[in-house]
């Protein structure tokens, strides 16, 4: 096992050369981390959730709306007073 350069007493910056390692960077003013985020986010949400999976939620939505509409009408009819019951009241 080789003794590292730090253990041999060398300071940082004089540790030796590293071959075969490449680093590529961009200057901070060249980076655009949010480039196209909002356009792709909206398109992906529409594509993934509405266009590709419409058959999951459209029939259920229609069915629940029809059930809601029927229940609302049935409740309105059930809560009405029958005028024939109160015909003899003065």
N, C-alpha and C. Protein backbone atom coordinates (compact mmCIF):
# COMPACT_ATOMS: atom_id res chain seq x y z
N UNK A 1 0.85 -1.18 0.00
CA UNK A 1 0.00 0.00 0.00
C UNK A 1 0.89 1.23 0.00
N UNK A 2 0.58 2.16 -0.91
CA UNK A 2 1.40 3.36 -1.02
C UNK A 2 0.99 4.37 0.04
N UNK A 3 1.96 5.09 0.50
CA UNK A 3 1.70 6.16 1.46
C UNK A 3 1.27 7.38 0.67
N UNK A 4 0.19 8.03 1.10
CA UNK A 4 -0.32 9.16 0.35
C UNK A 4 0.62 10.35 0.48
N UNK A 5 0.42 11.30 -0.41
CA UNK A 5 1.28 12.49 -0.43
C UNK A 5 1.11 13.33 0.82
N UNK A 6 -0.09 13.34 1.38
CA UNK A 6 -0.30 14.14 2.58
C UNK A 6 0.47 13.57 3.77
N UNK A 7 0.48 12.25 3.85
CA UNK A 7 1.20 11.63 4.95
C UNK A 7 2.69 11.86 4.81
N UNK A 8 3.19 11.95 3.57
CA UNK A 8 4.61 12.19 3.35
C UNK A 8 4.99 13.65 3.58
N UNK A 9 4.04 14.50 3.94
CA UNK A 9 4.37 15.86 4.32
C UNK A 9 4.19 16.91 3.25
N UNK A 10 3.62 16.58 2.13
CA UNK A 10 3.41 17.59 1.09
C UNK A 10 2.17 18.40 1.42
N UNK A 11 2.17 19.63 0.98
CA UNK A 11 1.06 20.54 1.22
C UNK A 11 0.06 20.45 0.07
N UNK A 12 -1.13 20.98 0.32
CA UNK A 12 -2.15 21.01 -0.72
C UNK A 12 -1.65 21.88 -1.87
N UNK A 13 -1.84 21.42 -3.08
CA UNK A 13 -1.35 22.13 -4.25
C UNK A 13 -0.03 21.56 -4.74
N UNK A 14 0.66 20.79 -3.96
CA UNK A 14 1.92 20.16 -4.36
C UNK A 14 1.81 18.64 -4.26
N UNK A 15 0.63 18.12 -4.36
CA UNK A 15 0.41 16.70 -4.13
C UNK A 15 0.77 15.83 -5.33
N UNK A 16 0.88 16.37 -6.47
CA UNK A 16 1.21 15.59 -7.65
C UNK A 16 0.18 15.81 -8.74
N UNK A 17 0.48 15.31 -9.92
CA UNK A 17 -0.40 15.52 -11.05
C UNK A 17 -1.33 14.32 -11.21
N UNK A 18 -2.55 14.61 -11.59
CA UNK A 18 -3.53 13.56 -11.86
C UNK A 18 -3.73 13.52 -13.36
N UNK A 19 -3.54 12.35 -13.94
CA UNK A 19 -3.67 12.19 -15.38
C UNK A 19 -4.99 11.49 -15.70
N UNK A 20 -5.60 11.89 -16.82
CA UNK A 20 -6.81 11.23 -17.28
C UNK A 20 -8.09 11.74 -16.67
N UNK A 21 -8.05 12.82 -15.92
CA UNK A 21 -9.26 13.38 -15.34
C UNK A 21 -9.53 14.72 -16.01
N UNK A 22 -10.73 14.83 -16.57
CA UNK A 22 -11.11 16.05 -17.26
C UNK A 22 -12.33 16.63 -16.59
N UNK A 23 -12.35 17.92 -16.46
CA UNK A 23 -13.51 18.60 -15.87
C UNK A 23 -13.96 19.69 -16.82
N UNK A 24 -15.27 19.66 -17.11
CA UNK A 24 -15.85 20.66 -17.99
C UNK A 24 -16.86 21.46 -17.18
N UNK A 25 -16.76 22.76 -17.26
CA UNK A 25 -17.69 23.61 -16.53
C UNK A 25 -18.15 24.75 -17.42
N UNK A 26 -19.25 25.34 -17.03
CA UNK A 26 -19.75 26.55 -17.68
C UNK A 26 -19.64 27.71 -16.70
N UNK A 27 -19.44 28.86 -17.24
CA UNK A 27 -19.43 30.05 -16.39
C UNK A 27 -20.84 30.29 -15.87
N UNK A 28 -20.99 30.89 -14.68
CA UNK A 28 -22.34 31.10 -14.13
C UNK A 28 -23.24 31.93 -15.03
N UNK A 29 -22.67 32.85 -15.81
CA UNK A 29 -23.52 33.66 -16.68
C UNK A 29 -23.93 32.90 -17.93
N UNK A 30 -23.36 31.73 -18.20
CA UNK A 30 -23.74 30.93 -19.35
C UNK A 30 -24.77 29.87 -19.02
N UNK A 31 -25.02 29.65 -17.76
CA UNK A 31 -25.94 28.59 -17.34
C UNK A 31 -27.38 29.10 -17.35
N UNK A 32 -28.27 28.25 -17.81
CA UNK A 32 -29.70 28.57 -17.79
C UNK A 32 -30.42 27.36 -17.19
N UNK A 33 -30.46 27.25 -15.87
CA UNK A 33 -31.02 26.05 -15.26
C UNK A 33 -32.53 25.90 -15.46
N UNK A 34 -33.25 26.99 -15.66
CA UNK A 34 -34.71 26.90 -15.81
C UNK A 34 -35.14 27.07 -17.27
N UNK A 35 -34.21 26.90 -18.21
CA UNK A 35 -34.53 27.11 -19.61
C UNK A 35 -35.55 26.07 -20.07
N UNK A 36 -36.69 26.52 -20.54
CA UNK A 36 -37.73 25.66 -21.06
C UNK A 36 -38.48 24.87 -20.01
N UNK A 37 -38.28 25.15 -18.74
CA UNK A 37 -38.92 24.36 -17.68
C UNK A 37 -40.44 24.50 -17.72
N UNK A 38 -40.93 25.72 -17.79
CA UNK A 38 -42.37 25.92 -17.71
C UNK A 38 -43.09 25.40 -18.95
N UNK A 39 -42.47 25.56 -20.11
CA UNK A 39 -43.10 25.03 -21.33
C UNK A 39 -43.15 23.51 -21.30
N UNK A 40 -42.05 22.89 -20.94
CA UNK A 40 -42.04 21.43 -20.92
C UNK A 40 -42.88 20.89 -19.77
N UNK A 41 -42.93 21.60 -18.66
CA UNK A 41 -43.72 21.12 -17.53
C UNK A 41 -45.21 21.11 -17.89
N UNK A 42 -45.69 22.17 -18.49
CA UNK A 42 -47.10 22.24 -18.87
C UNK A 42 -47.43 21.20 -19.93
N UNK A 43 -46.55 21.07 -20.92
CA UNK A 43 -46.78 20.10 -21.99
C UNK A 43 -46.76 18.67 -21.42
N UNK A 44 -45.81 18.37 -20.55
CA UNK A 44 -45.73 17.02 -19.98
C UNK A 44 -46.92 16.70 -19.10
N UNK A 45 -47.40 17.66 -18.32
CA UNK A 45 -48.57 17.42 -17.48
C UNK A 45 -49.80 17.14 -18.34
N UNK A 46 -49.99 17.93 -19.36
CA UNK A 46 -51.14 17.72 -20.24
C UNK A 46 -51.01 16.39 -20.96
N UNK A 47 -49.83 16.10 -21.47
CA UNK A 47 -49.63 14.86 -22.22
C UNK A 47 -49.76 13.63 -21.33
N UNK A 48 -49.10 13.64 -20.19
CA UNK A 48 -49.08 12.46 -19.34
C UNK A 48 -50.39 12.22 -18.61
N UNK A 49 -51.08 13.27 -18.22
CA UNK A 49 -52.25 13.09 -17.37
C UNK A 49 -53.58 13.22 -18.09
N UNK A 50 -53.63 13.91 -19.18
CA UNK A 50 -54.91 14.12 -19.86
C UNK A 50 -54.99 13.31 -21.15
N UNK A 51 -54.01 13.45 -21.99
CA UNK A 51 -54.08 12.79 -23.30
C UNK A 51 -53.83 11.29 -23.16
N UNK A 52 -52.82 10.90 -22.39
CA UNK A 52 -52.48 9.48 -22.30
C UNK A 52 -53.40 8.69 -21.37
N UNK A 53 -54.04 9.34 -20.42
CA UNK A 53 -54.84 8.60 -19.43
C UNK A 53 -56.28 9.10 -19.33
N UNK A 54 -56.85 9.60 -20.40
CA UNK A 54 -58.20 10.15 -20.34
C UNK A 54 -59.22 9.08 -19.97
N UNK A 55 -58.99 7.83 -20.37
CA UNK A 55 -59.96 6.78 -20.13
C UNK A 55 -60.05 6.39 -18.67
N UNK A 56 -59.12 6.87 -17.82
CA UNK A 56 -59.22 6.59 -16.39
C UNK A 56 -60.17 7.55 -15.69
N UNK A 57 -60.13 8.83 -16.06
CA UNK A 57 -60.91 9.78 -15.27
C UNK A 57 -62.13 10.37 -15.97
N UNK A 58 -62.19 10.35 -17.28
CA UNK A 58 -63.35 10.92 -17.97
C UNK A 58 -64.63 10.11 -17.69
N UNK A 59 -64.66 8.78 -17.84
CA UNK A 59 -65.90 8.04 -17.54
C UNK A 59 -66.32 8.18 -16.08
N UNK A 60 -65.37 8.16 -15.16
CA UNK A 60 -65.71 8.31 -13.75
C UNK A 60 -66.25 9.71 -13.46
N UNK A 61 -65.68 10.70 -14.10
CA UNK A 61 -66.16 12.07 -13.91
C UNK A 61 -67.58 12.22 -14.43
N UNK A 62 -67.85 11.67 -15.59
CA UNK A 62 -69.21 11.75 -16.14
C UNK A 62 -70.19 10.99 -15.25
N UNK A 63 -69.81 9.80 -14.81
CA UNK A 63 -70.68 9.02 -13.93
C UNK A 63 -70.96 9.72 -12.62
N UNK A 64 -69.96 10.31 -12.01
CA UNK A 64 -70.16 11.01 -10.74
C UNK A 64 -71.01 12.27 -10.94
N UNK A 65 -70.85 12.96 -12.07
CA UNK A 65 -71.69 14.11 -12.32
C UNK A 65 -73.16 13.70 -12.47
N UNK A 66 -73.39 12.61 -13.20
CA UNK A 66 -74.78 12.14 -13.36
C UNK A 66 -75.37 11.71 -12.01
N UNK A 67 -74.59 11.03 -11.18
CA UNK A 67 -75.05 10.64 -9.85
C UNK A 67 -75.35 11.86 -8.99
N UNK A 68 -74.47 12.87 -9.04
CA UNK A 68 -74.67 14.12 -8.28
C UNK A 68 -75.95 14.82 -8.73
N UNK A 69 -76.13 14.91 -10.05
CA UNK A 69 -77.31 15.59 -10.58
C UNK A 69 -78.60 14.86 -10.17
N UNK A 70 -78.59 13.52 -10.26
CA UNK A 70 -79.75 12.74 -9.84
C UNK A 70 -80.03 12.92 -8.35
N UNK A 71 -79.00 12.89 -7.51
CA UNK A 71 -79.18 13.03 -6.07
C UNK A 71 -79.71 14.42 -5.72
N UNK A 72 -79.24 15.43 -6.41
CA UNK A 72 -79.71 16.79 -6.15
C UNK A 72 -81.19 16.93 -6.51
N UNK A 73 -81.59 16.38 -7.65
CA UNK A 73 -82.99 16.44 -8.06
C UNK A 73 -83.89 15.62 -7.11
N UNK A 74 -83.39 14.44 -6.71
CA UNK A 74 -84.17 13.59 -5.80
C UNK A 74 -84.33 14.26 -4.44
N UNK A 75 -83.32 14.93 -3.98
CA UNK A 75 -83.40 15.65 -2.70
C UNK A 75 -84.38 16.80 -2.80
N UNK A 76 -84.37 17.50 -3.91
CA UNK A 76 -85.30 18.61 -4.09
C UNK A 76 -86.74 18.10 -4.10
N UNK A 77 -86.98 16.99 -4.78
CA UNK A 77 -88.33 16.42 -4.81
C UNK A 77 -88.75 15.90 -3.44
N UNK A 78 -87.84 15.32 -2.70
CA UNK A 78 -88.17 14.76 -1.39
C UNK A 78 -88.42 15.84 -0.35
N UNK A 79 -87.81 17.00 -0.52
CA UNK A 79 -87.97 18.06 0.47
C UNK A 79 -89.15 18.99 0.18
N UNK A 80 -89.84 18.79 -0.93
CA UNK A 80 -91.02 19.62 -1.24
C UNK A 80 -92.19 19.20 -0.36
N UNK A 81 -92.98 20.16 -0.02
CA UNK A 81 -94.21 19.86 0.74
C UNK A 81 -95.32 19.51 -0.24
N UNK A 82 -96.13 18.55 0.17
CA UNK A 82 -97.27 18.13 -0.66
C UNK A 82 -98.44 19.06 -0.36
N UNK A 83 -98.92 19.83 -1.34
CA UNK A 83 -100.01 20.78 -1.08
C UNK A 83 -101.33 20.10 -0.69
N UNK A 84 -101.52 18.85 -1.08
CA UNK A 84 -102.79 18.18 -0.74
C UNK A 84 -102.92 17.91 0.76
N UNK A 85 -101.82 17.82 1.45
CA UNK A 85 -101.87 17.60 2.90
C UNK A 85 -102.40 18.84 3.60
N UNK A 86 -102.09 20.00 3.09
CA UNK A 86 -102.46 21.26 3.75
C UNK A 86 -103.67 21.93 3.10
N UNK A 87 -104.47 21.21 2.32
CA UNK A 87 -105.61 21.80 1.61
C UNK A 87 -106.71 22.24 2.57
N UNK A 88 -106.93 21.55 3.67
CA UNK A 88 -108.03 21.87 4.59
C UNK A 88 -107.60 22.81 5.71
N UNK A 89 -106.35 23.18 5.77
CA UNK A 89 -105.90 24.10 6.83
C UNK A 89 -106.34 25.52 6.52
N UNK A 90 -106.73 26.21 7.57
CA UNK A 90 -107.15 27.60 7.39
C UNK A 90 -106.24 28.51 8.17
